[in-house]
Amino acid sequence: MQGSGTFSVEAAIGTLVPRTGHVLVPQNGAYCQRIARICRVLGRKLTTIDYPEDTQVAAADVERALTSDPSITHLALVHCETSTGILNPLQRLPQVVARHGMGLIVDAMSSFGALEIDARTTPFDAVVAASGKCLEGPPGLGFAILRRGRARTQRGQLHSLAMDLYDQWVYMQKPRNGASRRRHMWWRRFDSAIAQYLEEGGLAARYARYAHNCRTLIDGMAKLGLKSFLPEAIQRRSS
């Protein structure tokens, strides 16, 4: 949809979380806090787990929260917190979520296109990203990758017509409507960005370039007596 990444995060939460739903949001940065604010504005019940900004989300804390409150229906997680660069342990959480029958909504604004998110091993309800950041397209287009079945079961319960992702998907399936939308300048620019991404070598090549740039920057700043806010262990892809 046309708009910032926040548009699509709000649309995913509003589309997938029923009005009687309950969202758990682990918070260790500004964009986690924004998700919590979205839940409040949408009137969705909210529980947070609050961390300092240099501390990763812990799977054990999520397990404890879900065990103590069975009314929680969804976990909303920021994969890479844009404000600090901290990586939250996405790979460790799906098993926890699955054991409790919860839904998983992932804000992947700063990771999509450089860090792997495999739908076969990370059974999310939605991954949300945007045309900028790692895809290096112009800003102004957000998108959500959803499991159709989950969106279909919640259709018609969102307060907004324009933010209803299931309704948008149905509209786009009509050939005339889909073709018209794809001719829009945002789509054309985004398509060019994807072509350049694939030409560079896709996820592996883009991550390698970013990792090299990051190492160069941190090493150079260290020579000036400056150090990174985050320990290296919670910025690496293995997290």
Protein backbone atom coordinates (compact mmCIF):
# COMPACT_ATOMS: atom_id res chain seq x y z
CA MET A 1 0.00 0.00 0.00
CA GLN A 2 1.12 3.57 -0.61
CA GLY A 3 2.48 5.07 2.60
CA SER A 4 5.26 4.54 5.12
CA GLY A 5 6.03 1.17 6.64
CA THR A 6 3.93 2.15 9.65
CA PHE A 7 0.86 2.14 7.39
CA SER A 8 1.41 -1.53 6.62
CA VAL A 9 2.22 -2.49 10.21
CA GLU A 10 -1.04 -0.90 11.34
CA ALA A 11 -2.90 -2.57 8.47
CA ALA A 12 -1.49 -6.01 9.37
CA ILE A 13 -2.41 -5.68 13.04
CA GLY A 14 -5.87 -4.33 12.23
CA THR A 15 -6.50 -7.03 9.61
CA LEU A 16 -5.19 -10.04 11.54
CA VAL A 17 -5.94 -9.28 15.18
CA PRO A 18 -9.67 -9.44 15.93
CA ARG A 19 -11.21 -6.69 17.99
CA THR A 20 -11.33 -9.11 20.90
CA GLY A 21 -7.67 -10.08 20.34
CA HIS A 22 -4.77 -9.53 22.71
CA VAL A 23 -1.29 -8.61 21.45
CA LEU A 24 2.01 -9.24 23.24
CA VAL A 25 4.71 -6.72 22.23
CA PRO A 26 8.29 -7.13 23.51
CA GLN A 27 9.75 -3.59 23.61
CA ASN A 28 13.44 -2.69 23.27
CA GLY A 29 13.28 0.32 20.99
CA ALA A 30 11.24 3.04 19.35
CA TYR A 31 9.55 0.87 16.70
CA CYS A 32 8.44 -1.74 19.23
CA GLN A 33 6.90 1.12 21.16
CA ARG A 34 5.18 2.29 17.99
CA ILE A 35 3.56 -1.14 17.53
CA ALA A 36 2.29 -0.91 21.11
CA ARG A 37 0.87 2.52 20.35
CA ILE A 38 -0.85 1.17 17.22
CA CYS A 39 -2.51 -1.53 19.34
CA ARG A 40 -3.77 1.09 21.78
CA VAL A 41 -5.13 3.32 19.00
CA LEU A 42 -6.88 0.33 17.37
CA GLY A 43 -8.37 -0.66 20.72
CA ARG A 44 -6.62 -4.06 20.83
CA LYS A 45 -5.78 -5.39 24.27
CA LEU A 46 -2.04 -5.03 24.85
CA THR A 47 0.64 -6.55 27.05
CA THR A 48 4.28 -5.46 26.82
CA ILE A 49 7.58 -6.93 27.95
CA ASP A 50 9.92 -4.01 28.52
CA TYR A 51 13.69 -4.21 27.99
CA PRO A 52 16.55 -1.69 27.92
CA GLU A 53 17.46 -0.69 24.36
CA ASP A 54 20.70 -2.72 24.45
CA THR A 55 18.99 -5.99 25.49
CA GLN A 56 17.58 -8.64 23.16
CA VAL A 57 14.11 -10.08 23.52
CA ALA A 58 14.37 -13.43 25.30
CA ALA A 59 12.31 -16.41 24.16
CA ALA A 60 11.97 -17.50 27.81
CA ASP A 61 10.27 -14.19 28.66
CA VAL A 62 7.80 -14.64 25.82
CA GLU A 63 7.12 -18.22 26.95
CA ARG A 64 6.49 -17.00 30.48
CA ALA A 65 4.10 -14.25 29.32
CA LEU A 66 2.09 -16.61 27.12
CA THR A 67 1.89 -19.21 29.86
CA SER A 68 0.73 -16.71 32.47
CA ASP A 69 -1.95 -15.15 30.26
CA PRO A 70 -3.79 -17.56 27.91
CA SER A 71 -5.89 -14.67 26.55
CA ILE A 72 -2.93 -13.47 24.44
CA THR A 73 -3.66 -14.23 20.78
CA HIS A 74 -0.73 -12.67 18.91
CA LEU A 75 2.94 -11.85 19.29
CA ALA A 76 4.10 -8.72 17.40
CA LEU A 77 7.89 -8.63 17.09
CA VAL A 78 10.33 -6.18 15.54
CA HIS A 79 13.01 -8.35 13.90
CA CYS A 80 15.70 -5.66 13.66
CA GLU A 81 15.00 -2.58 15.77
CA THR A 82 15.77 0.34 13.47
CA SER A 83 16.59 2.78 16.27
CA THR A 84 19.64 0.80 17.50
CA GLY A 85 20.17 -2.07 15.04
CA ILE A 86 19.58 -4.74 17.68
CA LEU A 87 18.51 -8.11 16.25
CA ASN A 88 15.74 -9.91 18.07
CA PRO A 89 15.78 -13.74 18.00
CA LEU A 90 13.13 -14.42 15.37
CA GLN A 91 14.33 -17.97 14.77
CA ARG A 92 13.84 -18.96 18.43
CA LEU A 93 10.29 -17.70 18.82
CA PRO A 94 8.08 -19.64 16.33
CA GLN A 95 8.22 -22.82 18.41
CA VAL A 96 7.13 -20.86 21.49
CA VAL A 97 4.30 -19.19 19.59
CA ALA A 98 3.19 -22.48 18.00
CA ARG A 99 3.05 -24.29 21.35
CA HIS A 100 0.54 -21.72 22.56
CA GLY A 101 -1.42 -21.52 19.30
CA MET A 102 -0.65 -17.82 18.89
CA GLY A 103 -0.30 -15.73 15.75
CA LEU A 104 3.03 -14.10 14.84
CA ILE A 105 3.32 -10.67 13.18
CA VAL A 106 6.86 -9.61 12.25
CA ASP A 107 7.99 -6.05 11.57
CA ALA A 108 10.92 -6.68 9.21
CA MET A 109 11.45 -3.11 8.00
CA SER A 110 15.20 -3.12 8.61
CA SER A 111 15.91 -6.78 7.90
CA PHE A 112 13.82 -7.83 4.89
CA GLY A 113 16.08 -8.36 1.91
CA ALA A 114 19.31 -8.78 3.90
CA LEU A 115 18.47 -11.28 6.66
CA GLU A 116 16.76 -14.56 5.86
CA ILE A 117 13.16 -15.07 6.96
CA ASP A 118 12.10 -18.55 5.83
CA ALA A 119 8.34 -19.14 5.91
CA ARG A 120 8.97 -22.90 6.07
CA THR A 121 10.77 -22.65 9.41
CA THR A 122 9.25 -19.40 10.71
CA PRO A 123 5.47 -19.87 10.39
CA PHE A 124 4.42 -16.24 10.64
CA ASP A 125 0.96 -14.81 10.06
CA ALA A 126 2.48 -11.67 8.52
CA VAL A 127 5.87 -10.20 7.67
CA VAL A 128 5.74 -6.47 7.05
CA ALA A 129 8.35 -4.41 5.19
CA ALA A 130 8.68 -1.47 2.83
CA SER A 131 10.27 -0.38 -0.41
CA GLY A 132 13.19 1.38 1.24
CA LYS A 133 15.82 0.06 3.69
CA CYS A 134 17.44 -3.20 2.50
CA LEU A 135 15.53 -3.29 -0.80
CA GLU A 136 16.95 0.17 -1.55
CA GLY A 137 13.89 1.38 -3.44
CA PRO A 138 12.32 4.81 -3.03
CA PRO A 139 10.25 5.25 0.13
CA GLY A 140 6.48 5.41 -0.08
CA LEU A 141 5.37 1.80 -0.54
CA GLY A 142 4.74 -0.64 2.27
CA PHE A 143 3.71 -4.28 1.96
CA ALA A 144 2.71 -7.24 4.09
CA ILE A 145 3.16 -10.91 3.26
CA LEU A 146 0.23 -12.72 4.87
CA ARG A 147 -1.08 -16.24 5.22
CA ARG A 148 -4.30 -16.01 3.25
CA GLY A 149 -6.29 -18.24 5.56
CA ARG A 150 -5.60 -16.06 8.60
CA ALA A 151 -6.58 -12.88 6.74
CA ARG A 152 -9.73 -14.49 5.34
CA THR A 153 -11.00 -15.53 8.77
CA GLN A 154 -10.71 -11.95 10.05
CA ARG A 155 -12.14 -10.16 7.02
CA GLY A 156 -14.62 -7.38 7.63
CA GLN A 157 -13.62 -6.72 11.24
CA LEU A 158 -11.21 -3.81 10.59
CA HIS A 159 -12.44 -0.27 11.29
CA SER A 160 -10.87 1.06 8.06
CA LEU A 161 -11.65 0.20 4.45
CA ALA A 162 -8.34 1.57 3.10
CA MET A 163 -6.22 -0.38 5.62
CA ASP A 164 -7.97 -3.74 5.17
CA LEU A 165 -5.28 -5.94 3.61
CA TYR A 166 -7.64 -8.78 2.75
CA ASP A 167 -9.94 -6.38 0.93
CA GLN A 168 -6.91 -4.94 -0.89
CA TRP A 169 -5.81 -8.42 -1.93
CA VAL A 170 -9.27 -9.32 -3.27
CA TYR A 171 -9.35 -6.06 -5.23
CA MET A 172 -5.88 -6.70 -6.71
CA GLN A 173 -6.87 -10.18 -7.94
CA LYS A 174 -9.16 -8.61 -10.53
CA PRO A 175 -6.97 -8.31 -13.64
CA ARG A 176 -8.04 -4.81 -14.56
CA ASN A 177 -7.58 -3.45 -11.05
CA GLY A 178 -4.25 -5.17 -10.49
CA ALA A 179 -2.83 -3.98 -13.79
CA SER A 180 -3.94 -0.42 -13.09
CA ARG A 181 -2.29 -0.37 -9.66
CA ARG A 182 0.94 -1.87 -10.98
CA ARG A 183 1.27 0.94 -13.52
CA HIS A 184 1.49 3.45 -10.69
CA MET A 185 4.88 5.12 -10.28
CA TRP A 186 5.49 3.55 -6.85
CA TRP A 187 5.09 0.05 -8.26
CA ARG A 188 7.31 0.79 -11.24
CA ARG A 189 10.08 2.20 -9.05
CA PHE A 190 9.79 -0.69 -6.63
CA ASP A 191 9.98 -3.14 -9.53
CA SER A 192 13.23 -1.49 -10.66
CA ALA A 193 14.64 -1.78 -7.13
CA ILE A 194 13.84 -5.51 -7.04
CA ALA A 195 15.50 -6.00 -10.44
CA GLN A 196 18.67 -4.29 -9.15
CA TYR A 197 18.51 -6.39 -5.98
CA LEU A 198 18.43 -9.62 -7.99
CA GLU A 199 21.15 -8.39 -10.32
CA GLU A 200 23.43 -7.73 -7.34
CA GLY A 201 22.96 -11.31 -6.15
CA GLY A 202 19.96 -11.12 -3.84
CA LEU A 203 19.95 -11.60 -0.09
CA ALA A 204 23.44 -13.08 0.31
CA ALA A 205 25.16 -10.36 -1.70
CA ARG A 206 23.29 -7.53 -0.05
CA TYR A 207 23.98 -8.85 3.44
CA ALA A 208 27.67 -9.26 2.58
CA ARG A 209 27.89 -5.64 1.41
CA TYR A 210 26.12 -4.33 4.50
CA ALA A 211 28.26 -6.47 6.83
CA HIS A 212 31.44 -5.18 5.15
CA ASN A 213 30.28 -1.57 5.41
CA CYS A 214 29.32 -2.06 9.06
CA ARG A 215 32.67 -3.61 9.94
CA THR A 216 34.52 -0.82 8.15
CA LEU A 217 32.52 1.84 9.98
CA ILE A 218 32.88 0.26 13.44
CA ASP A 219 36.61 -0.36 12.99
CA GLY A 220 37.17 3.18 11.75
CA MET A 221 35.21 4.71 14.62
CA ALA A 222 37.12 2.52 17.12
CA LYS A 223 40.37 4.11 15.93
CA LEU A 224 38.87 7.45 16.97
CA GLY A 225 38.12 6.11 20.44
CA LEU A 226 34.43 5.45 19.88
CA LYS A 227 32.65 2.15 20.49
CA SER A 228 29.38 0.62 19.35
CA PHE A 229 26.34 1.02 21.60
CA LEU A 230 25.47 -2.67 21.11
CA PRO A 231 27.68 -5.71 21.72
CA GLU A 232 28.60 -7.42 18.46
CA ALA A 233 26.90 -10.65 19.51
CA ILE A 234 23.41 -9.09 19.28
CA GLN A 235 24.00 -7.45 15.91
CA ARG A 236 25.13 -10.54 14.01
CA ARG A 237 22.96 -12.50 11.58
CA SER A 238 23.19 -15.62 13.78
CA SER A 239 20.95 -13.86 16.28
